[in-house]
Amino acid sequence: MPKILQALMYMLGFTREEICQPNSQLFFWKKAKELIKEQVPEKMKNHTVLGPKEGDYKLYQKINYCEKIISGLEQETIDQHNATFGKLFKWLWLALQTRKTDIIYRKAHTKKQRELREKALEASAERKENRAATIKDAEEQFMADHEADFTAYDTYVADQKRKENEEYDDESEEEGAEEKEIPTKPEFNAKEVEDKFDEENPDVEIPAEVAIQKDNDWALHEEDE
């Protein structure tokens, strides 16, 4: 069953030059048998199917090509033909499927995390706009509610300047004048409005940026990403 060995060895990282006839994809048993005996068992033992794989993979070493090599083979038929090859095929098929499942799961999880982050960023931006609008509206309402107080204060300030600029003051009139309460300028308490808004609308917690994970051992189409 050279196809099983070829797909297995490609998945484990062997190159075409190591296991095939020159300039072809024809499996060459005599060339590969020493590698099968000396390196394949250890590589199978250390092979991992979980997590990102950022190394360089030739097209024929990727899941797509390995699956293509063994397409059409059936477990039952192989078991009947040779029990050892049946075990190899089962291990290979399980490794390929588990690897694909892991990649699909992590990509789906990453996509979901990115969507959650985007929503959080949008919600944070909206909160920022609403906060600024709330403070602005409160200030405008404060100005309208205290319009008379502002007018009284401005009038008082203008009268004081006028008196300071008069060349002669009528001291007798000033002494006899009825003492009036000095108006104060209203002060808008922006912090009070900010604190109230923050209490009613807590900061949006933004998830950390999602790291890009590469799975170079499987060539996916854009729609599969």
Protein backbone atom coordinates (compact mmCIF):
# COMPACT_ATOMS: atom_id res chain seq x y z
CA MET A 1 0.00 0.00 0.00
CA PRO A 2 2.46 2.65 -1.20
CA LYS A 3 -0.18 5.40 -1.15
CA ILE A 4 -0.62 5.06 2.60
CA LEU A 5 3.12 5.24 3.19
CA GLN A 6 3.54 8.16 0.82
CA ALA A 7 0.75 10.20 2.43
CA LEU A 8 1.98 9.30 5.90
CA MET A 9 5.55 10.31 5.18
CA TYR A 10 4.53 13.56 3.50
CA MET A 11 2.39 14.44 6.51
CA LEU A 12 5.36 13.70 8.78
CA GLY A 13 7.51 16.14 6.83
CA PHE A 14 9.52 13.99 4.44
CA THR A 15 10.24 15.49 1.04
CA ARG A 16 9.49 14.11 -2.41
CA GLU A 17 13.21 13.80 -3.11
CA GLU A 18 13.58 11.49 -0.10
CA ILE A 19 10.83 9.00 -0.93
CA CYS A 20 9.95 9.24 -4.63
CA GLN A 21 11.55 8.51 -7.95
CA PRO A 22 13.45 11.49 -9.41
CA ASN A 23 11.25 14.36 -10.65
CA SER A 24 8.01 12.49 -9.95
CA GLN A 25 5.43 11.65 -7.30
CA LEU A 26 5.90 7.90 -7.72
CA PHE A 27 6.67 6.34 -4.36
CA PHE A 28 10.02 4.53 -4.41
CA TRP A 29 10.06 1.74 -1.83
CA LYS A 30 13.78 0.99 -2.02
CA LYS A 31 14.57 4.63 -1.42
CA ALA A 32 12.08 5.09 1.44
CA LYS A 33 12.43 1.81 3.35
CA GLU A 34 15.40 2.90 5.48
CA LEU A 35 13.57 6.09 6.48
CA ILE A 36 10.47 4.05 7.32
CA LYS A 37 12.50 1.80 9.54
CA GLU A 38 14.72 4.41 11.22
CA GLN A 39 12.71 7.65 11.36
CA VAL A 40 8.99 7.10 10.78
CA PRO A 41 8.18 5.49 14.17
CA GLU A 42 9.82 8.35 16.07
CA LYS A 43 8.19 10.99 13.88
CA MET A 44 4.79 9.36 14.43
CA LYS A 45 5.41 9.37 18.17
CA ASN A 46 6.30 13.07 18.19
CA HIS A 47 3.70 14.19 15.65
CA THR A 48 1.27 16.82 16.95
CA VAL A 49 -2.14 17.60 15.53
CA LEU A 50 -3.11 20.47 17.83
CA GLY A 51 -2.15 24.13 17.69
CA PRO A 52 -0.76 26.46 15.04
CA LYS A 53 1.84 25.29 12.55
CA GLU A 54 3.79 28.18 11.09
CA GLY A 55 6.54 26.25 9.35
CA ASP A 56 7.09 25.99 5.63
CA TYR A 57 5.15 23.22 3.91
CA LYS A 58 5.41 22.16 0.32
CA LEU A 59 2.08 21.68 -1.44
CA TYR A 60 2.41 17.91 -1.39
CA GLN A 61 3.07 17.95 2.38
CA LYS A 62 -0.19 19.68 3.17
CA ILE A 63 -3.36 17.99 4.35
CA ASN A 64 -5.06 18.60 1.02
CA TYR A 65 -2.56 16.57 -0.97
CA CYS A 66 -2.21 13.84 1.65
CA GLU A 67 -5.97 13.32 1.60
CA LYS A 68 -5.93 13.28 -2.18
CA ILE A 69 -3.35 10.49 -2.20
CA ILE A 70 -5.47 8.20 -0.02
CA SER A 71 -8.85 9.18 -1.40
CA GLY A 72 -10.89 6.14 -2.36
CA LEU A 73 -9.15 3.82 0.09
CA GLU A 74 -11.44 2.10 2.59
CA GLN A 75 -10.54 0.94 6.05
CA GLU A 76 -12.29 -2.42 5.80
CA THR A 77 -10.63 -3.33 2.52
CA ILE A 78 -7.19 -2.40 3.81
CA ASP A 79 -7.72 -4.35 7.04
CA GLN A 80 -8.59 -7.45 5.03
CA HIS A 81 -5.57 -7.03 2.82
CA ASN A 82 -2.98 -6.29 5.52
CA ALA A 83 -3.57 -5.66 9.23
CA THR A 84 -0.39 -3.58 9.64
CA PHE A 85 -1.30 -1.26 6.81
CA GLY A 86 -4.82 -1.13 8.25
CA LYS A 87 -3.42 0.26 11.50
CA LEU A 88 -1.24 2.76 9.64
CA PHE A 89 -4.17 3.91 7.55
CA LYS A 90 -6.37 4.30 10.63
CA TRP A 91 -3.67 6.33 12.40
CA LEU A 92 -3.08 8.48 9.33
CA TRP A 93 -6.77 9.12 8.69
CA LEU A 94 -7.40 9.95 12.36
CA ALA A 95 -4.40 12.30 12.43
CA LEU A 96 -5.61 14.14 9.33
CA GLN A 97 -9.19 14.46 10.55
CA THR A 98 -8.19 15.51 14.06
CA ARG A 99 -5.86 18.11 12.62
CA LYS A 100 -8.61 19.54 10.42
CA THR A 101 -11.06 19.58 13.33
CA ASP A 102 -8.56 21.47 15.47
CA ILE A 103 -7.90 24.05 12.76
CA ILE A 104 -11.61 24.58 12.11
CA TYR A 105 -12.34 24.93 15.84
CA ARG A 106 -9.54 27.43 16.44
CA LYS A 107 -10.44 29.50 13.40
CA ALA A 108 -14.09 29.61 14.49
CA HIS A 109 -13.03 30.58 18.01
CA THR A 110 -10.68 33.26 16.69
CA LYS A 111 -13.40 34.64 14.44
CA LYS A 112 -15.82 34.82 17.36
CA GLN A 113 -13.24 36.56 19.55
CA ARG A 114 -12.56 39.11 16.80
CA GLU A 115 -16.28 39.78 16.43
CA LEU A 116 -16.63 40.26 20.20
CA ARG A 117 -13.69 42.68 20.19
CA GLU A 118 -15.15 44.64 17.27
CA LYS A 119 -18.51 44.92 19.04
CA ALA A 120 -16.79 46.05 22.22
CA LEU A 121 -14.82 48.70 20.31
CA GLU A 122 -18.02 49.95 18.66
CA ALA A 123 -19.82 50.03 22.02
CA SER A 124 -16.91 51.92 23.59
CA ALA A 125 -16.90 54.48 20.79
CA GLU A 126 -20.68 54.91 21.11
CA ARG A 127 -20.36 55.36 24.87
CA LYS A 128 -17.69 58.01 24.35
CA GLU A 129 -19.97 59.93 21.97
CA ASN A 130 -22.94 59.61 24.33
CA ARG A 131 -20.84 60.81 27.25
CA ALA A 132 -19.70 63.92 25.40
CA ALA A 133 -23.28 64.61 24.23
CA THR A 134 -24.65 64.17 27.75
CA ILE A 135 -22.14 66.64 29.20
CA LYS A 136 -22.84 69.12 26.42
CA ASP A 137 -26.62 68.86 26.88
CA ALA A 138 -26.26 69.26 30.64
CA GLU A 139 -24.11 72.35 30.20
CA GLU A 140 -26.56 73.90 27.75
CA GLN A 141 -29.45 73.19 30.13
CA PHE A 142 -27.45 74.71 32.99
CA MET A 143 -26.82 77.86 30.96
CA ALA A 144 -30.52 78.17 30.14
CA ASP A 145 -31.62 77.58 33.75
CA HIS A 146 -29.20 80.21 35.06
CA GLU A 147 -29.62 82.78 32.31
CA ALA A 148 -30.94 85.39 34.76
CA ASP A 149 -28.03 84.76 37.13
CA PHE A 150 -25.52 85.20 34.31
CA THR A 151 -27.25 88.42 33.26
CA ALA A 152 -27.17 89.78 36.80
CA TYR A 153 -23.51 88.91 37.18
CA ASP A 154 -22.55 90.44 33.82
CA THR A 155 -24.49 93.58 34.70
CA TYR A 156 -22.71 93.84 38.04
CA VAL A 157 -19.28 93.40 36.41
CA ALA A 158 -20.12 96.06 33.80
CA ASP A 159 -21.29 98.49 36.53
CA GLN A 160 -18.08 97.95 38.48
CA LYS A 161 -15.96 98.70 35.43
CA ARG A 162 -18.03 101.75 34.69
CA LYS A 163 -17.54 103.07 38.19
CA GLU A 164 -13.80 102.45 38.03
CA ASN A 165 -13.61 104.46 34.82
CA GLU A 166 -15.54 107.46 36.11
CA GLU A 167 -13.28 110.42 36.74
CA TYR A 168 -15.24 111.66 39.76
CA ASP A 169 -17.28 109.59 42.13
CA ASP A 170 -20.19 110.90 44.07
CA GLU A 171 -18.98 109.78 47.51
CA SER A 172 -22.00 111.13 49.29
CA GLU A 173 -24.30 109.21 47.01
CA GLU A 174 -22.14 106.12 47.46
CA GLU A 175 -22.32 106.42 51.23
CA GLY A 176 -26.07 106.72 51.16
CA ALA A 177 -26.63 103.99 48.64
CA GLU A 178 -28.35 100.87 49.84
CA GLU A 179 -25.93 97.96 50.13
CA LYS A 180 -26.79 95.30 47.55
CA GLU A 181 -25.90 91.63 47.51
CA ILE A 182 -23.05 90.97 45.09
CA PRO A 183 -24.11 88.44 42.46
CA THR A 184 -21.88 85.44 41.77
CA LYS A 185 -21.18 83.81 38.44
CA PRO A 186 -22.78 80.35 38.17
CA GLU A 187 -20.25 77.54 37.66
CA PHE A 188 -21.18 74.42 35.73
CA ASN A 189 -20.00 71.27 37.54
CA ALA A 190 -18.92 69.08 34.64
CA LYS A 191 -17.32 66.48 36.94
CA GLU A 192 -20.62 65.84 38.68
CA VAL A 193 -22.28 65.11 35.32
CA GLU A 194 -19.34 62.94 34.24
CA ASP A 195 -19.39 60.92 37.46
CA LYS A 196 -23.13 60.35 37.20
CA PHE A 197 -22.83 59.20 33.59
CA ASP A 198 -19.92 56.87 34.42
CA GLU A 199 -21.87 55.37 37.30
CA GLU A 200 -24.88 54.66 35.10
CA ASN A 201 -22.79 53.67 32.05
CA PRO A 202 -19.64 51.81 33.11
CA ASP A 203 -16.64 51.60 30.79
CA VAL A 204 -16.88 48.91 28.11
CA GLU A 205 -14.34 46.17 28.70
CA ILE A 206 -12.46 45.61 25.46
CA PRO A 207 -10.95 42.13 24.97
CA ALA A 208 -7.30 41.90 24.07
CA GLU A 209 -6.39 41.88 20.40
CA VAL A 210 -6.67 38.37 18.98
CA ALA A 211 -3.36 36.90 17.87
CA ILE A 212 -3.19 35.61 14.32
CA GLN A 213 -2.60 31.87 14.21
CA LYS A 214 -1.14 30.28 11.10
CA ASP A 215 -1.87 26.76 9.98
CA ASN A 216 0.37 26.42 6.97
CA ASP A 217 -0.19 22.68 6.71
CA TRP A 218 -3.72 23.10 5.32
CA ALA A 219 -4.51 25.19 2.25
CA LEU A 220 -7.93 26.68 2.92
CA HIS A 221 -10.07 28.63 0.49
CA GLU A 222 -11.03 32.17 1.51
CA GLU A 223 -14.59 31.12 2.27
CA ASP A 224 -13.24 28.51 4.68
CA GLU A 225 -11.14 31.02 6.63
